[in-house]
């Protein structure tokens, strides 16, 4: 029974985090805002994204960054072209081969984001990428009001942690 309660608590925490993310996106619609969404669980992320799409009235465009990407700004600009989305979610940063260089270049080009992107930008990160942002791009990291977490109390994904009670 303890795992069921943990599962229900975890679901409640995730739902609350998704609602915070929805509010952050809605409040920033039409202007640049950096939002960091931290999730260490590869298994839970698609379910979180589905819940986000259900709860959000904002059309959120998604892109998955290539493992060979060298700059985040150019990748985003090339992908969206002249059409500004209502919100943009960037996934796949953990797979970028030269992630340190990408983060450093993103920090150097941070003013371009504010000048040219007029929508909330959600970066999906894990604890490793979040740590790299703190050390390699502190100015950029400071633009994010706070990091919205989607993991259990320990902020660590465990093989036995469940997303819903039905999976226990």
N, C-alpha and C. Protein backbone atom coordinates (compact mmCIF):
# COMPACT_ATOMS: atom_id res chain seq x y z
N UNK A 1 0.82 -1.20 0.00
CA UNK A 1 0.00 0.00 0.00
C UNK A 1 0.86 1.26 0.00
N UNK A 2 2.03 1.16 0.58
CA UNK A 2 2.91 2.32 0.62
C UNK A 2 3.27 2.79 -0.78
N UNK A 3 3.54 1.86 -1.70
CA UNK A 3 3.89 2.26 -3.06
C UNK A 3 2.71 2.93 -3.76
N UNK A 4 1.48 2.51 -3.44
CA UNK A 4 0.31 3.15 -4.02
C UNK A 4 0.22 4.60 -3.55
N UNK A 5 0.42 4.84 -2.26
CA UNK A 5 0.39 6.21 -1.74
C UNK A 5 1.50 7.04 -2.37
N UNK A 6 2.70 6.46 -2.49
CA UNK A 6 3.80 7.18 -3.13
C UNK A 6 3.43 7.51 -4.57
N UNK A 7 2.79 6.58 -5.23
CA UNK A 7 2.39 6.77 -6.62
C UNK A 7 1.37 7.90 -6.73
N UNK A 8 0.39 7.90 -5.83
CA UNK A 8 -0.62 8.96 -5.84
C UNK A 8 0.00 10.30 -5.51
N UNK A 9 0.93 10.33 -4.55
CA UNK A 9 1.63 11.57 -4.22
C UNK A 9 2.45 12.05 -5.40
N UNK A 10 3.12 11.13 -6.07
CA UNK A 10 3.94 11.48 -7.23
C UNK A 10 3.07 12.05 -8.34
N UNK A 11 1.93 11.44 -8.60
CA UNK A 11 1.01 11.93 -9.61
C UNK A 11 0.51 13.33 -9.25
N UNK A 12 0.19 13.54 -7.98
CA UNK A 12 -0.26 14.87 -7.54
C UNK A 12 0.83 15.91 -7.72
N UNK A 13 2.07 15.54 -7.38
CA UNK A 13 3.20 16.46 -7.55
C UNK A 13 3.43 16.79 -9.02
N UNK A 14 3.36 15.78 -9.86
CA UNK A 14 3.57 15.99 -11.30
C UNK A 14 2.46 16.86 -11.87
N UNK A 15 1.23 16.60 -11.48
CA UNK A 15 0.10 17.40 -11.96
C UNK A 15 0.26 18.85 -11.52
N UNK A 16 0.67 19.08 -10.28
CA UNK A 16 0.89 20.45 -9.80
C UNK A 16 2.00 21.12 -10.59
N UNK A 17 3.06 20.39 -10.90
CA UNK A 17 4.16 20.95 -11.68
C UNK A 17 3.71 21.28 -13.10
N UNK A 18 2.90 20.42 -13.70
CA UNK A 18 2.38 20.69 -15.04
C UNK A 18 1.51 21.94 -15.00
N UNK A 19 0.70 22.09 -13.96
CA UNK A 19 -0.15 23.28 -13.86
C UNK A 19 0.70 24.54 -13.71
N UNK A 20 1.81 24.47 -12.97
CA UNK A 20 2.73 25.62 -12.87
C UNK A 20 3.33 25.95 -14.22
N UNK A 21 3.69 24.91 -14.98
CA UNK A 21 4.26 25.12 -16.31
C UNK A 21 3.22 25.76 -17.24
N UNK A 22 1.99 25.29 -17.19
CA UNK A 22 0.92 25.86 -18.02
C UNK A 22 0.74 27.34 -17.68
N UNK A 23 0.71 27.67 -16.38
CA UNK A 23 0.57 29.07 -15.97
C UNK A 23 1.74 29.92 -16.47
N UNK A 24 2.95 29.41 -16.33
CA UNK A 24 4.14 30.16 -16.77
C UNK A 24 4.08 30.42 -18.27
N UNK A 25 3.66 29.44 -19.04
CA UNK A 25 3.54 29.61 -20.49
C UNK A 25 2.46 30.63 -20.82
N UNK A 26 1.30 30.51 -20.18
CA UNK A 26 0.20 31.42 -20.46
C UNK A 26 0.55 32.87 -20.11
N UNK A 27 1.22 33.06 -18.99
CA UNK A 27 1.58 34.42 -18.57
C UNK A 27 2.59 35.07 -19.50
N UNK A 28 3.40 34.26 -20.17
CA UNK A 28 4.46 34.78 -21.03
C UNK A 28 4.09 34.81 -22.51
N UNK A 29 2.89 34.42 -22.85
CA UNK A 29 2.50 34.39 -24.26
C UNK A 29 2.70 35.77 -24.89
N UNK A 30 3.36 35.80 -26.04
CA UNK A 30 3.60 37.04 -26.76
C UNK A 30 4.90 37.74 -26.41
N UNK A 31 5.65 37.18 -25.46
CA UNK A 31 6.93 37.77 -25.08
C UNK A 31 7.93 36.67 -24.77
N UNK A 32 9.21 37.01 -24.85
CA UNK A 32 10.21 35.99 -24.56
C UNK A 32 10.27 35.72 -23.06
N UNK A 33 10.29 34.47 -22.73
CA UNK A 33 10.46 34.02 -21.36
C UNK A 33 11.15 32.67 -21.41
N UNK A 34 12.16 32.50 -20.58
CA UNK A 34 12.86 31.21 -20.50
C UNK A 34 12.29 30.42 -19.33
N UNK A 35 11.85 29.21 -19.63
CA UNK A 35 11.29 28.33 -18.62
C UNK A 35 12.09 27.03 -18.66
N UNK A 36 12.61 26.61 -17.52
CA UNK A 36 13.35 25.35 -17.44
C UNK A 36 12.45 24.29 -16.81
N UNK A 37 12.28 23.19 -17.51
CA UNK A 37 11.50 22.06 -17.02
C UNK A 37 12.47 20.90 -16.82
N UNK A 38 12.62 20.47 -15.58
CA UNK A 38 13.61 19.44 -15.25
C UNK A 38 12.93 18.11 -14.98
N UNK A 39 13.32 17.11 -15.77
CA UNK A 39 12.78 15.76 -15.62
C UNK A 39 13.90 14.77 -15.91
N UNK A 40 14.23 13.94 -14.95
CA UNK A 40 15.27 12.94 -15.12
C UNK A 40 14.75 11.62 -15.65
N UNK A 41 13.44 11.45 -15.63
CA UNK A 41 12.84 10.18 -16.04
C UNK A 41 12.44 10.20 -17.51
N UNK A 42 13.14 9.44 -18.31
CA UNK A 42 12.81 9.33 -19.73
C UNK A 42 11.43 8.70 -19.88
N UNK A 43 11.09 7.77 -19.00
CA UNK A 43 9.81 7.08 -19.05
C UNK A 43 8.63 8.02 -18.76
N UNK A 44 8.80 8.93 -17.84
CA UNK A 44 7.70 9.81 -17.44
C UNK A 44 7.50 10.99 -18.38
N UNK A 45 8.55 11.41 -19.09
CA UNK A 45 8.46 12.62 -19.89
C UNK A 45 7.32 12.63 -20.92
N UNK A 46 7.11 11.55 -21.70
CA UNK A 46 5.98 11.59 -22.66
C UNK A 46 4.63 11.74 -21.98
N UNK A 47 4.47 11.12 -20.82
CA UNK A 47 3.20 11.23 -20.10
C UNK A 47 3.01 12.65 -19.58
N UNK A 48 4.09 13.28 -19.13
CA UNK A 48 4.03 14.66 -18.67
C UNK A 48 3.65 15.58 -19.83
N UNK A 49 4.27 15.35 -20.98
CA UNK A 49 3.99 16.18 -22.15
C UNK A 49 2.54 16.02 -22.61
N UNK A 50 2.01 14.80 -22.54
CA UNK A 50 0.59 14.58 -22.89
C UNK A 50 -0.32 15.36 -21.95
N UNK A 51 -0.02 15.32 -20.66
CA UNK A 51 -0.82 16.05 -19.68
C UNK A 51 -0.71 17.56 -19.93
N UNK A 52 0.47 18.02 -20.26
CA UNK A 52 0.68 19.43 -20.58
C UNK A 52 -0.19 19.85 -21.76
N UNK A 53 -0.21 19.05 -22.81
CA UNK A 53 -1.02 19.37 -23.99
C UNK A 53 -2.52 19.40 -23.64
N UNK A 54 -2.94 18.51 -22.74
CA UNK A 54 -4.34 18.46 -22.33
C UNK A 54 -4.75 19.70 -21.55
N UNK A 55 -3.86 20.16 -20.67
CA UNK A 55 -4.20 21.26 -19.76
C UNK A 55 -3.96 22.65 -20.35
N UNK A 56 -3.16 22.74 -21.39
CA UNK A 56 -2.80 24.04 -21.94
C UNK A 56 -3.70 24.45 -23.09
N UNK A 57 -4.12 25.71 -23.05
CA UNK A 57 -4.89 26.25 -24.17
C UNK A 57 -3.97 26.90 -25.20
N UNK A 58 -2.68 27.00 -24.87
CA UNK A 58 -1.68 27.58 -25.76
C UNK A 58 -1.17 26.48 -26.70
N UNK A 59 -1.01 26.82 -27.97
CA UNK A 59 -0.45 25.88 -28.94
C UNK A 59 1.07 25.84 -28.74
N UNK A 60 1.57 24.73 -28.26
CA UNK A 60 2.98 24.58 -27.94
C UNK A 60 3.66 23.76 -29.03
N UNK A 61 4.56 24.41 -29.74
CA UNK A 61 5.33 23.71 -30.78
C UNK A 61 6.51 23.01 -30.10
N UNK A 62 6.85 21.83 -30.58
CA UNK A 62 7.97 21.07 -30.02
C UNK A 62 9.04 20.87 -31.07
N UNK A 63 10.29 20.98 -30.63
CA UNK A 63 11.40 20.57 -31.48
C UNK A 63 12.34 19.70 -30.65
N UNK A 64 12.94 18.75 -31.33
CA UNK A 64 13.95 17.90 -30.70
C UNK A 64 15.28 18.32 -31.31
N UNK A 65 16.18 18.74 -30.46
CA UNK A 65 17.46 19.24 -30.95
C UNK A 65 18.34 18.06 -31.39
N UNK A 66 19.06 18.26 -32.45
CA UNK A 66 19.93 17.21 -33.00
C UNK A 66 21.15 16.99 -32.12
N UNK A 67 21.62 15.76 -32.00
CA UNK A 67 22.84 15.49 -31.23
C UNK A 67 24.06 16.24 -31.76
N UNK A 68 24.00 16.67 -33.02
CA UNK A 68 25.14 17.38 -33.61
C UNK A 68 24.97 18.90 -33.59
N UNK A 69 23.91 19.39 -32.96
CA UNK A 69 23.67 20.84 -32.90
C UNK A 69 24.82 21.54 -32.21
N UNK A 70 25.16 22.71 -32.74
CA UNK A 70 26.25 23.50 -32.17
C UNK A 70 25.73 24.75 -31.45
N UNK A 71 24.58 25.26 -31.89
CA UNK A 71 24.00 26.43 -31.24
C UNK A 71 22.51 26.25 -31.07
N UNK A 72 22.00 26.68 -29.96
CA UNK A 72 20.57 26.57 -29.70
C UNK A 72 19.80 27.65 -30.45
N UNK A 73 20.28 28.88 -30.41
CA UNK A 73 19.55 29.97 -31.06
C UNK A 73 19.37 29.71 -32.55
N UNK A 74 20.44 29.37 -33.25
CA UNK A 74 20.37 29.13 -34.69
C UNK A 74 19.46 27.95 -35.00
N UNK A 75 19.54 26.91 -34.21
CA UNK A 75 18.67 25.75 -34.41
C UNK A 75 17.21 26.15 -34.30
N UNK A 76 16.90 26.95 -33.28
CA UNK A 76 15.51 27.39 -33.10
C UNK A 76 15.09 28.30 -34.26
N UNK A 77 15.92 29.29 -34.58
CA UNK A 77 15.58 30.24 -35.64
C UNK A 77 15.39 29.53 -36.98
N UNK A 78 16.27 28.58 -37.29
CA UNK A 78 16.14 27.83 -38.55
C UNK A 78 14.88 26.97 -38.57
N UNK A 79 14.52 26.42 -37.43
CA UNK A 79 13.36 25.53 -37.35
C UNK A 79 12.05 26.29 -37.47
N UNK A 80 11.93 27.40 -36.76
CA UNK A 80 10.64 28.10 -36.77
C UNK A 80 10.52 29.07 -37.95
N UNK A 81 11.64 29.49 -38.53
CA UNK A 81 11.58 30.44 -39.64
C UNK A 81 11.00 31.76 -39.19
N UNK A 82 10.13 32.34 -40.01
CA UNK A 82 9.56 33.64 -39.66
C UNK A 82 8.28 33.52 -38.84
N UNK A 83 7.75 32.31 -38.72
CA UNK A 83 6.52 32.10 -37.97
C UNK A 83 6.81 31.88 -36.50
N UNK A 84 6.42 32.83 -35.68
CA UNK A 84 6.62 32.72 -34.24
C UNK A 84 5.51 31.86 -33.64
N UNK A 85 5.87 30.79 -32.96
CA UNK A 85 4.83 29.97 -32.31
C UNK A 85 4.31 30.68 -31.05
N UNK A 86 3.20 30.18 -30.52
CA UNK A 86 2.70 30.72 -29.25
C UNK A 86 3.66 30.38 -28.12
N UNK A 87 4.23 29.18 -28.19
CA UNK A 87 5.22 28.72 -27.22
C UNK A 87 6.05 27.64 -27.91
N UNK A 88 7.27 27.48 -27.44
CA UNK A 88 8.16 26.48 -28.03
C UNK A 88 8.81 25.66 -26.93
N UNK A 89 8.81 24.35 -27.13
CA UNK A 89 9.42 23.43 -26.20
C UNK A 89 10.60 22.76 -26.91
N UNK A 90 11.78 22.79 -26.28
CA UNK A 90 12.97 22.18 -26.85
C UNK A 90 13.33 20.96 -26.02
N UNK A 91 13.38 19.82 -26.69
CA UNK A 91 13.74 18.57 -26.02
C UNK A 91 15.02 18.02 -26.65
N UNK A 92 15.65 17.09 -25.98
CA UNK A 92 16.80 16.40 -26.53
C UNK A 92 18.16 16.98 -26.19
N UNK A 93 18.21 17.97 -25.32
CA UNK A 93 19.50 18.57 -24.96
C UNK A 93 20.48 17.54 -24.37
N UNK A 94 19.95 16.55 -23.68
CA UNK A 94 20.81 15.54 -23.06
C UNK A 94 21.54 14.68 -24.08
N UNK A 95 21.08 14.71 -25.34
CA UNK A 95 21.72 13.89 -26.38
C UNK A 95 22.75 14.66 -27.21
N UNK A 96 22.88 15.97 -26.96
CA UNK A 96 23.82 16.78 -27.73
C UNK A 96 25.25 16.38 -27.37
N UNK A 97 26.04 16.04 -28.39
CA UNK A 97 27.40 15.55 -28.18
C UNK A 97 28.29 16.63 -27.55
N UNK A 98 28.24 17.82 -28.11
CA UNK A 98 29.07 18.94 -27.61
C UNK A 98 28.20 19.88 -26.78
N UNK A 99 27.57 19.33 -25.73
CA UNK A 99 26.62 20.11 -24.93
C UNK A 99 27.28 21.30 -24.25
N UNK A 100 28.51 21.15 -23.77
CA UNK A 100 29.17 22.29 -23.12
C UNK A 100 29.31 23.46 -24.08
N UNK A 101 29.74 23.18 -25.30
CA UNK A 101 29.90 24.25 -26.29
C UNK A 101 28.56 24.86 -26.65
N UNK A 102 27.53 24.04 -26.78
CA UNK A 102 26.20 24.56 -27.09
C UNK A 102 25.71 25.49 -25.98
N UNK A 103 25.93 25.11 -24.74
CA UNK A 103 25.48 25.93 -23.60
C UNK A 103 26.27 27.24 -23.56
N UNK A 104 27.57 27.17 -23.78
CA UNK A 104 28.39 28.39 -23.78
C UNK A 104 27.95 29.33 -24.90
N UNK A 105 27.72 28.80 -26.09
CA UNK A 105 27.30 29.66 -27.21
C UNK A 105 25.91 30.24 -26.96
N UNK A 106 25.05 29.47 -26.31
CA UNK A 106 23.71 29.96 -25.98
C UNK A 106 23.80 31.13 -25.01
N UNK A 107 24.68 31.03 -24.04
CA UNK A 107 24.87 32.11 -23.09
C UNK A 107 25.39 33.37 -23.80
N UNK A 108 26.33 33.19 -24.74
CA UNK A 108 26.88 34.33 -25.47
C UNK A 108 25.85 35.01 -26.36
N UNK A 109 24.90 34.24 -26.87
CA UNK A 109 23.89 34.77 -27.79
C UNK A 109 22.56 35.07 -27.10
N UNK A 110 22.55 35.11 -25.79
CA UNK A 110 21.29 35.21 -25.05
C UNK A 110 20.48 36.45 -25.41
N UNK A 111 21.13 37.56 -25.75
CA UNK A 111 20.38 38.77 -26.11
C UNK A 111 19.57 38.59 -27.39
N UNK A 112 20.04 37.71 -28.29
CA UNK A 112 19.29 37.44 -29.53
C UNK A 112 17.95 36.79 -29.23
N UNK A 113 17.91 35.97 -28.18
CA UNK A 113 16.65 35.33 -27.80
C UNK A 113 15.61 36.40 -27.48
N UNK A 114 15.99 37.35 -26.61
CA UNK A 114 15.05 38.39 -26.19
C UNK A 114 14.67 39.31 -27.34
N UNK A 115 15.62 39.61 -28.22
CA UNK A 115 15.35 40.53 -29.34
C UNK A 115 14.42 39.91 -30.37
N UNK A 116 14.58 38.61 -30.65
CA UNK A 116 13.94 38.01 -31.81
C UNK A 116 12.88 36.95 -31.53
N UNK A 117 12.84 36.44 -30.34
CA UNK A 117 11.86 35.39 -30.03
C UNK A 117 10.82 35.97 -29.09
N UNK A 118 9.58 36.03 -29.55
CA UNK A 118 8.51 36.66 -28.78
C UNK A 118 7.50 35.62 -28.32
N UNK A 119 8.03 34.65 -27.59
CA UNK A 119 7.20 33.56 -27.07
C UNK A 119 7.95 32.89 -25.93
N UNK A 120 7.23 32.20 -25.06
CA UNK A 120 7.90 31.45 -24.00
C UNK A 120 8.67 30.26 -24.59
N UNK A 121 9.88 30.08 -24.10
CA UNK A 121 10.75 28.98 -24.54
C UNK A 121 10.96 28.04 -23.36
N UNK A 122 10.49 26.81 -23.52
CA UNK A 122 10.63 25.80 -22.47
C UNK A 122 11.77 24.88 -22.86
N UNK A 123 12.80 24.86 -22.04
CA UNK A 123 13.91 23.92 -22.25
C UNK A 123 13.73 22.75 -21.31
N UNK A 124 13.62 21.54 -21.89
CA UNK A 124 13.55 20.33 -21.08
C UNK A 124 14.98 19.91 -20.76
N UNK A 125 15.28 19.82 -19.49
CA UNK A 125 16.62 19.48 -19.03
C UNK A 125 16.54 18.37 -18.00
N UNK A 126 17.68 17.75 -17.74
CA UNK A 126 17.80 16.84 -16.61
C UNK A 126 18.75 17.51 -15.62
N UNK A 127 19.02 16.87 -14.49
CA UNK A 127 19.89 17.49 -13.48
C UNK A 127 21.28 17.77 -14.02
N UNK A 128 21.79 16.91 -14.89
CA UNK A 128 23.13 17.11 -15.47
C UNK A 128 23.16 18.38 -16.31
N UNK A 129 22.20 18.55 -17.19
CA UNK A 129 22.14 19.74 -18.05
C UNK A 129 21.89 20.98 -17.20
N UNK A 130 21.05 20.86 -16.20
CA UNK A 130 20.77 21.99 -15.31
C UNK A 130 22.05 22.45 -14.61
N UNK A 131 22.85 21.50 -14.14
CA UNK A 131 24.13 21.83 -13.51
C UNK A 131 25.07 22.53 -14.48
N UNK A 132 25.08 22.07 -15.72
CA UNK A 132 25.93 22.70 -16.74
C UNK A 132 25.47 24.13 -17.03
N UNK A 133 24.16 24.36 -17.03
CA UNK A 133 23.65 25.71 -17.23
C UNK A 133 24.11 26.64 -16.10
N UNK A 134 24.07 26.14 -14.88
CA UNK A 134 24.49 26.95 -13.73
C UNK A 134 25.96 27.35 -13.85
N UNK A 135 26.80 26.41 -14.26
CA UNK A 135 28.24 26.67 -14.32
C UNK A 135 28.70 27.33 -15.61
N UNK A 136 28.11 26.95 -16.74
CA UNK A 136 28.60 27.44 -18.03
C UNK A 136 27.80 28.61 -18.59
N UNK A 137 26.58 28.80 -18.10
CA UNK A 137 25.72 29.87 -18.63
C UNK A 137 24.91 30.52 -17.50
N UNK A 138 25.60 31.04 -16.49
CA UNK A 138 24.86 31.58 -15.35
C UNK A 138 23.95 32.75 -15.71
N UNK A 139 24.37 33.57 -16.68
CA UNK A 139 23.53 34.70 -17.08
C UNK A 139 22.23 34.22 -17.70
N UNK A 140 22.33 33.24 -18.58
CA UNK A 140 21.15 32.66 -19.20
C UNK A 140 20.28 31.97 -18.16
N UNK A 141 20.88 31.20 -17.31
CA UNK A 141 20.14 30.47 -16.27
C UNK A 141 19.36 31.44 -15.38
N UNK A 142 19.93 32.59 -15.12
CA UNK A 142 19.25 33.57 -14.27
C UNK A 142 18.01 34.17 -14.93
N UNK A 143 17.88 34.04 -16.23
CA UNK A 143 16.68 34.52 -16.92
C UNK A 143 15.48 33.65 -16.60
N UNK A 144 15.71 32.43 -16.23
CA UNK A 144 14.60 31.53 -15.89
C UNK A 144 14.16 31.85 -14.46
N UNK A 145 12.89 32.15 -14.28
CA UNK A 145 12.39 32.53 -12.96
C UNK A 145 12.69 31.44 -11.94
N UNK A 146 12.33 30.24 -12.26
CA UNK A 146 12.64 29.09 -11.41
C UNK A 146 12.54 27.85 -12.28
N UNK A 147 13.13 26.77 -11.81
CA UNK A 147 13.08 25.52 -12.54
C UNK A 147 11.87 24.73 -12.06
N UNK A 148 11.06 24.28 -12.99
CA UNK A 148 9.89 23.47 -12.65
C UNK A 148 10.32 22.01 -12.72
N UNK A 149 10.20 21.32 -11.59
CA UNK A 149 10.66 19.93 -11.48
C UNK A 149 9.51 18.95 -11.63
N UNK A 150 9.84 17.81 -12.27
CA UNK A 150 8.84 16.78 -12.51
C UNK A 150 9.26 15.42 -11.97
N UNK A 151 10.18 15.39 -11.03
CA UNK A 151 10.63 14.12 -10.47
C UNK A 151 10.14 13.98 -9.05
N UNK A 152 10.41 12.81 -8.48
CA UNK A 152 9.96 12.54 -7.11
C UNK A 152 10.70 13.41 -6.11
N UNK A 153 10.42 13.20 -4.83
CA UNK A 153 10.96 14.05 -3.77
C UNK A 153 12.48 14.15 -3.78
N UNK A 154 13.14 13.10 -4.18
CA UNK A 154 14.61 13.09 -4.18
C UNK A 154 15.17 13.71 -5.45
N UNK A 155 14.30 14.13 -6.37
CA UNK A 155 14.72 14.68 -7.67
C UNK A 155 15.55 13.67 -8.44
N UNK A 156 15.31 12.43 -8.21
CA UNK A 156 16.02 11.36 -8.91
C UNK A 156 14.98 10.40 -9.45
N UNK A 157 15.16 9.97 -10.66
CA UNK A 157 14.26 8.96 -11.21
C UNK A 157 14.76 7.59 -10.76
N UNK A 158 13.86 6.79 -10.23
CA UNK A 158 14.25 5.45 -9.82
C UNK A 158 13.53 4.46 -10.71
N UNK A 159 14.13 3.29 -10.94
CA UNK A 159 13.49 2.32 -11.82
C UNK A 159 12.10 1.91 -11.36
N UNK A 160 11.83 1.96 -10.07
CA UNK A 160 10.54 1.51 -9.57
C UNK A 160 9.56 2.64 -9.33
N UNK A 161 9.96 3.90 -9.58
CA UNK A 161 9.02 4.98 -9.34
C UNK A 161 7.94 4.94 -10.41
N UNK A 162 6.72 5.14 -9.99
CA UNK A 162 5.59 5.03 -10.91
C UNK A 162 5.00 6.39 -11.19
N UNK A 163 4.42 6.53 -12.37
CA UNK A 163 3.79 7.78 -12.75
C UNK A 163 2.34 7.80 -12.29
N UNK A 164 1.65 6.69 -12.41
CA UNK A 164 0.27 6.63 -11.96
C UNK A 164 0.06 5.39 -11.11
N UNK A 165 -1.00 5.41 -10.37
CA UNK A 165 -1.28 4.29 -9.49
C UNK A 165 -1.52 3.00 -10.28
N UNK A 166 -2.03 3.14 -11.49
CA UNK A 166 -2.32 1.94 -12.29
C UNK A 166 -1.07 1.23 -12.75
N UNK A 167 0.08 1.89 -12.70
CA UNK A 167 1.32 1.26 -13.14
C UNK A 167 2.03 0.51 -12.01
N UNK A 168 1.50 0.61 -10.78
CA UNK A 168 2.15 -0.05 -9.65
C UNK A 168 1.88 -1.52 -9.67
